[in-house]
Amino acid sequence: MLSKRLVVIIIIFEEQKSDYFLLLQSEKTGGIVHSLLNKAKNAELKEKLQQFSLQLLHLKIHFTAAGLFNIDRTLYFTVGQKN
C-alpha cells in the first residue's frame, strides 16, 4: 500500500515540475511582449501587442485533471494523508 502511494506522489511531483516550468515561461512571455511593444513602430502591431499583453495580464494559468480538481501543491497533502 505504501509503495503505491509513493508512486502516485512521485508522478504528481514530476507533473508539478513541468507545470511550474510552464508557468515560469508564461510569466516571461509578458516581459517579452512589453519589450516588443516598446520597440514597435507600426500602430497596428502596437495595438495587437497591447491586446495580447492585456490577455496575458488577466489570464491565470492553472492545471486541472479534466476540470475535476486543480493539480497543484495542495494535491500532495490530499494524496499523502493517512486514512
N, C-alpha and C. Protein backbone atom coordinates (compact mmCIF):
# COMPACT_ATOMS: atom_id res chain seq x y z
N MET A 1 0.83 -1.19 0.00
CA MET A 1 0.00 0.00 0.00
C MET A 1 0.87 1.25 0.00
N LEU A 2 1.92 1.26 0.80
CA LEU A 2 2.80 2.41 0.89
C LEU A 2 3.51 2.65 -0.45
N SER A 3 3.90 1.59 -1.13
CA SER A 3 4.62 1.78 -2.39
C SER A 3 3.72 2.38 -3.46
N LYS A 4 2.43 2.05 -3.46
CA LYS A 4 1.51 2.65 -4.42
C LYS A 4 1.38 4.14 -4.17
N ARG A 5 1.28 4.54 -2.90
CA ARG A 5 1.20 5.97 -2.57
C ARG A 5 2.47 6.69 -3.00
N LEU A 6 3.60 6.06 -2.78
CA LEU A 6 4.87 6.66 -3.15
C LEU A 6 4.94 6.88 -4.66
N VAL A 7 4.50 5.91 -5.42
CA VAL A 7 4.49 6.03 -6.88
C VAL A 7 3.58 7.17 -7.31
N VAL A 8 2.41 7.28 -6.70
CA VAL A 8 1.48 8.35 -7.03
C VAL A 8 2.09 9.71 -6.69
N ILE A 9 2.73 9.82 -5.55
CA ILE A 9 3.35 11.08 -5.15
C ILE A 9 4.48 11.45 -6.11
N ILE A 10 5.27 10.49 -6.53
CA ILE A 10 6.36 10.75 -7.48
C ILE A 10 5.80 11.22 -8.82
N ILE A 11 4.74 10.59 -9.28
CA ILE A 11 4.11 11.00 -10.54
C ILE A 11 3.59 12.43 -10.44
N ILE A 12 2.92 12.74 -9.35
CA ILE A 12 2.39 14.08 -9.15
C ILE A 12 3.53 15.10 -9.07
N PHE A 13 4.60 14.74 -8.37
CA PHE A 13 5.75 15.63 -8.25
C PHE A 13 6.34 15.94 -9.61
N GLU A 14 6.51 14.93 -10.44
CA GLU A 14 7.08 15.14 -11.78
C GLU A 14 6.16 16.01 -12.62
N GLU A 15 4.87 15.78 -12.52
CA GLU A 15 3.90 16.59 -13.25
C GLU A 15 3.94 18.04 -12.77
N GLN A 16 4.07 18.21 -11.47
CA GLN A 16 4.10 19.55 -10.88
C GLN A 16 5.32 20.33 -11.36
N LYS A 17 6.46 19.66 -11.52
CA LYS A 17 7.66 20.34 -12.01
C LYS A 17 7.45 20.88 -13.41
N SER A 18 6.83 20.09 -14.29
CA SER A 18 6.61 20.56 -15.66
C SER A 18 5.57 21.69 -15.67
N ASP A 19 4.56 21.62 -14.82
CA ASP A 19 3.57 22.68 -14.75
C ASP A 19 4.21 23.98 -14.27
N TYR A 20 5.09 23.89 -13.29
CA TYR A 20 5.76 25.07 -12.77
C TYR A 20 6.65 25.70 -13.84
N PHE A 21 7.32 24.87 -14.63
CA PHE A 21 8.14 25.37 -15.73
C PHE A 21 7.28 26.14 -16.73
N LEU A 22 6.11 25.61 -17.06
CA LEU A 22 5.21 26.30 -17.99
C LEU A 22 4.74 27.63 -17.42
N LEU A 23 4.47 27.68 -16.13
CA LEU A 23 4.07 28.94 -15.51
C LEU A 23 5.19 29.98 -15.58
N LEU A 24 6.42 29.55 -15.34
CA LEU A 24 7.55 30.48 -15.44
C LEU A 24 7.69 31.01 -16.86
N GLN A 25 7.52 30.14 -17.84
CA GLN A 25 7.62 30.57 -19.23
C GLN A 25 6.52 31.55 -19.59
N SER A 26 5.32 31.33 -19.07
CA SER A 26 4.23 32.25 -19.37
C SER A 26 4.48 33.62 -18.76
N GLU A 27 5.13 33.66 -17.60
CA GLU A 27 5.47 34.95 -17.00
C GLU A 27 6.54 35.68 -17.82
N LYS A 28 7.47 34.95 -18.39
CA LYS A 28 8.48 35.56 -19.25
C LYS A 28 7.86 36.13 -20.52
N THR A 29 6.82 35.50 -21.00
CA THR A 29 6.17 35.95 -22.23
C THR A 29 5.68 37.38 -22.09
N GLY A 30 5.12 37.72 -20.95
CA GLY A 30 4.65 39.08 -20.72
C GLY A 30 5.76 40.11 -20.84
N GLY A 31 6.92 39.80 -20.29
CA GLY A 31 8.06 40.70 -20.39
C GLY A 31 8.54 40.86 -21.83
N ILE A 32 8.53 39.78 -22.57
CA ILE A 32 8.95 39.83 -23.97
C ILE A 32 7.97 40.67 -24.78
N VAL A 33 6.68 40.49 -24.52
CA VAL A 33 5.67 41.27 -25.24
C VAL A 33 5.83 42.75 -24.94
N HIS A 34 6.11 43.10 -23.69
CA HIS A 34 6.30 44.51 -23.34
C HIS A 34 7.55 45.10 -24.01
N SER A 35 8.61 44.31 -24.12
CA SER A 35 9.80 44.78 -24.83
C SER A 35 9.49 45.06 -26.29
N LEU A 36 8.75 44.14 -26.90
CA LEU A 36 8.36 44.33 -28.30
C LEU A 36 7.44 45.53 -28.45
N LEU A 37 6.55 45.70 -27.49
CA LEU A 37 5.61 46.82 -27.53
C LEU A 37 6.35 48.15 -27.48
N ASN A 38 7.39 48.23 -26.67
CA ASN A 38 8.17 49.47 -26.57
C ASN A 38 8.96 49.77 -27.84
N LYS A 39 9.32 48.72 -28.60
CA LYS A 39 10.13 48.90 -29.79
C LYS A 39 9.31 49.01 -31.07
N ALA A 40 8.03 48.63 -31.01
CA ALA A 40 7.20 48.61 -32.22
C ALA A 40 6.92 50.02 -32.72
N LYS A 41 6.97 50.18 -34.04
CA LYS A 41 6.69 51.47 -34.65
C LYS A 41 5.36 51.46 -35.40
N ASN A 42 4.94 50.30 -35.83
CA ASN A 42 3.68 50.14 -36.56
C ASN A 42 2.51 50.23 -35.58
N ALA A 43 1.53 51.09 -35.87
CA ALA A 43 0.39 51.31 -34.97
C ALA A 43 -0.46 50.04 -34.82
N GLU A 44 -0.65 49.32 -35.92
CA GLU A 44 -1.46 48.08 -35.85
C GLU A 44 -0.76 47.02 -35.01
N LEU A 45 0.55 46.89 -35.18
CA LEU A 45 1.32 45.94 -34.38
C LEU A 45 1.26 46.31 -32.91
N LYS A 46 1.40 47.61 -32.61
CA LYS A 46 1.32 48.06 -31.21
C LYS A 46 -0.03 47.71 -30.60
N GLU A 47 -1.09 47.90 -31.37
CA GLU A 47 -2.44 47.59 -30.86
C GLU A 47 -2.58 46.10 -30.58
N LYS A 48 -2.10 45.26 -31.49
CA LYS A 48 -2.18 43.80 -31.29
C LYS A 48 -1.35 43.36 -30.09
N LEU A 49 -0.17 43.92 -29.95
CA LEU A 49 0.68 43.58 -28.80
C LEU A 49 0.05 44.05 -27.50
N GLN A 50 -0.59 45.20 -27.52
CA GLN A 50 -1.27 45.71 -26.32
C GLN A 50 -2.42 44.78 -25.92
N GLN A 51 -3.19 44.33 -26.90
CA GLN A 51 -4.29 43.39 -26.63
C GLN A 51 -3.75 42.08 -26.05
N PHE A 52 -2.68 41.57 -26.67
CA PHE A 52 -2.09 40.32 -26.19
C PHE A 52 -1.53 40.49 -24.77
N SER A 53 -0.92 41.63 -24.51
CA SER A 53 -0.38 41.92 -23.18
C SER A 53 -1.49 41.93 -22.13
N LEU A 54 -2.61 42.54 -22.46
CA LEU A 54 -3.74 42.56 -21.52
C LEU A 54 -4.31 41.16 -21.29
N GLN A 55 -4.35 40.35 -22.33
CA GLN A 55 -4.82 38.98 -22.18
C GLN A 55 -3.91 38.20 -21.24
N LEU A 56 -2.60 38.36 -21.42
CA LEU A 56 -1.65 37.69 -20.54
C LEU A 56 -1.79 38.15 -19.10
N LEU A 57 -2.03 39.44 -18.93
CA LEU A 57 -2.16 40.00 -17.59
C LEU A 57 -3.36 39.41 -16.84
N HIS A 58 -4.46 39.23 -17.55
CA HIS A 58 -5.69 38.78 -16.90
C HIS A 58 -5.87 37.26 -16.92
N LEU A 59 -5.04 36.57 -17.66
CA LEU A 59 -5.16 35.12 -17.76
C LEU A 59 -4.39 34.46 -16.62
N LYS A 60 -5.09 33.73 -15.81
CA LYS A 60 -4.45 32.98 -14.73
C LYS A 60 -4.35 31.52 -15.19
N ILE A 61 -3.13 31.06 -15.32
CA ILE A 61 -2.92 29.69 -15.79
C ILE A 61 -2.95 28.74 -14.61
N HIS A 62 -3.76 27.73 -14.70
CA HIS A 62 -3.77 26.67 -13.71
C HIS A 62 -4.11 25.36 -14.41
N PHE A 63 -3.68 24.27 -13.84
CA PHE A 63 -3.86 22.96 -14.44
C PHE A 63 -4.87 22.17 -13.63
N THR A 64 -5.74 21.47 -14.35
CA THR A 64 -6.73 20.63 -13.69
C THR A 64 -6.70 19.23 -14.27
N ALA A 65 -7.30 18.31 -13.56
CA ALA A 65 -7.48 16.95 -14.04
C ALA A 65 -8.88 16.87 -14.63
N ALA A 66 -8.97 17.11 -15.92
CA ALA A 66 -10.24 17.08 -16.65
C ALA A 66 -11.28 18.00 -16.01
N GLY A 67 -10.82 19.09 -15.40
CA GLY A 67 -11.72 20.05 -14.79
C GLY A 67 -12.30 19.60 -13.45
N LEU A 68 -11.90 18.44 -12.97
CA LEU A 68 -12.45 17.92 -11.72
C LEU A 68 -11.81 18.54 -10.48
N PHE A 69 -10.49 18.71 -10.51
CA PHE A 69 -9.80 19.33 -9.38
C PHE A 69 -8.50 19.93 -9.89
N ASN A 70 -8.01 20.91 -9.15
CA ASN A 70 -6.75 21.56 -9.52
C ASN A 70 -5.57 20.65 -9.24
N ILE A 71 -4.61 20.70 -10.13
CA ILE A 71 -3.36 19.98 -9.91
C ILE A 71 -2.36 21.02 -9.43
N ASP A 72 -2.14 21.03 -8.12
CA ASP A 72 -1.22 21.97 -7.52
C ASP A 72 -0.63 21.35 -6.26
N ARG A 73 0.06 22.15 -5.49
CA ARG A 73 0.75 21.62 -4.32
C ARG A 73 -0.20 21.06 -3.25
N THR A 74 -1.42 21.55 -3.20
CA THR A 74 -2.37 21.02 -2.22
C THR A 74 -2.71 19.56 -2.50
N LEU A 75 -2.55 19.16 -3.75
CA LEU A 75 -2.82 17.77 -4.10
C LEU A 75 -1.86 16.82 -3.39
N TYR A 76 -0.61 17.28 -3.15
CA TYR A 76 0.34 16.44 -2.41
C TYR A 76 -0.21 16.04 -1.05
N PHE A 77 -0.77 17.01 -0.36
CA PHE A 77 -1.24 16.77 1.00
C PHE A 77 -2.47 15.87 1.01
N THR A 78 -3.32 16.04 -0.01
CA THR A 78 -4.51 15.21 -0.09
C THR A 78 -4.13 13.76 -0.34
N VAL A 79 -3.20 13.53 -1.25
CA VAL A 79 -2.78 12.16 -1.57
C VAL A 79 -1.99 11.56 -0.43
N GLY A 80 -1.18 12.38 0.25
CA GLY A 80 -0.31 11.88 1.30
C GLY A 80 -0.97 11.65 2.64
N GLN A 81 -2.23 12.06 2.81
CA GLN A 81 -2.89 11.89 4.10
C GLN A 81 -3.15 10.42 4.39
N LYS A 82 -3.02 10.04 5.63
CA LYS A 82 -3.31 8.66 6.04
C LYS A 82 -4.79 8.54 6.32
N ASN A 83 -5.33 7.39 6.07
CA ASN A 83 -6.76 7.13 6.36
C ASN A 83 -6.94 6.78 7.80
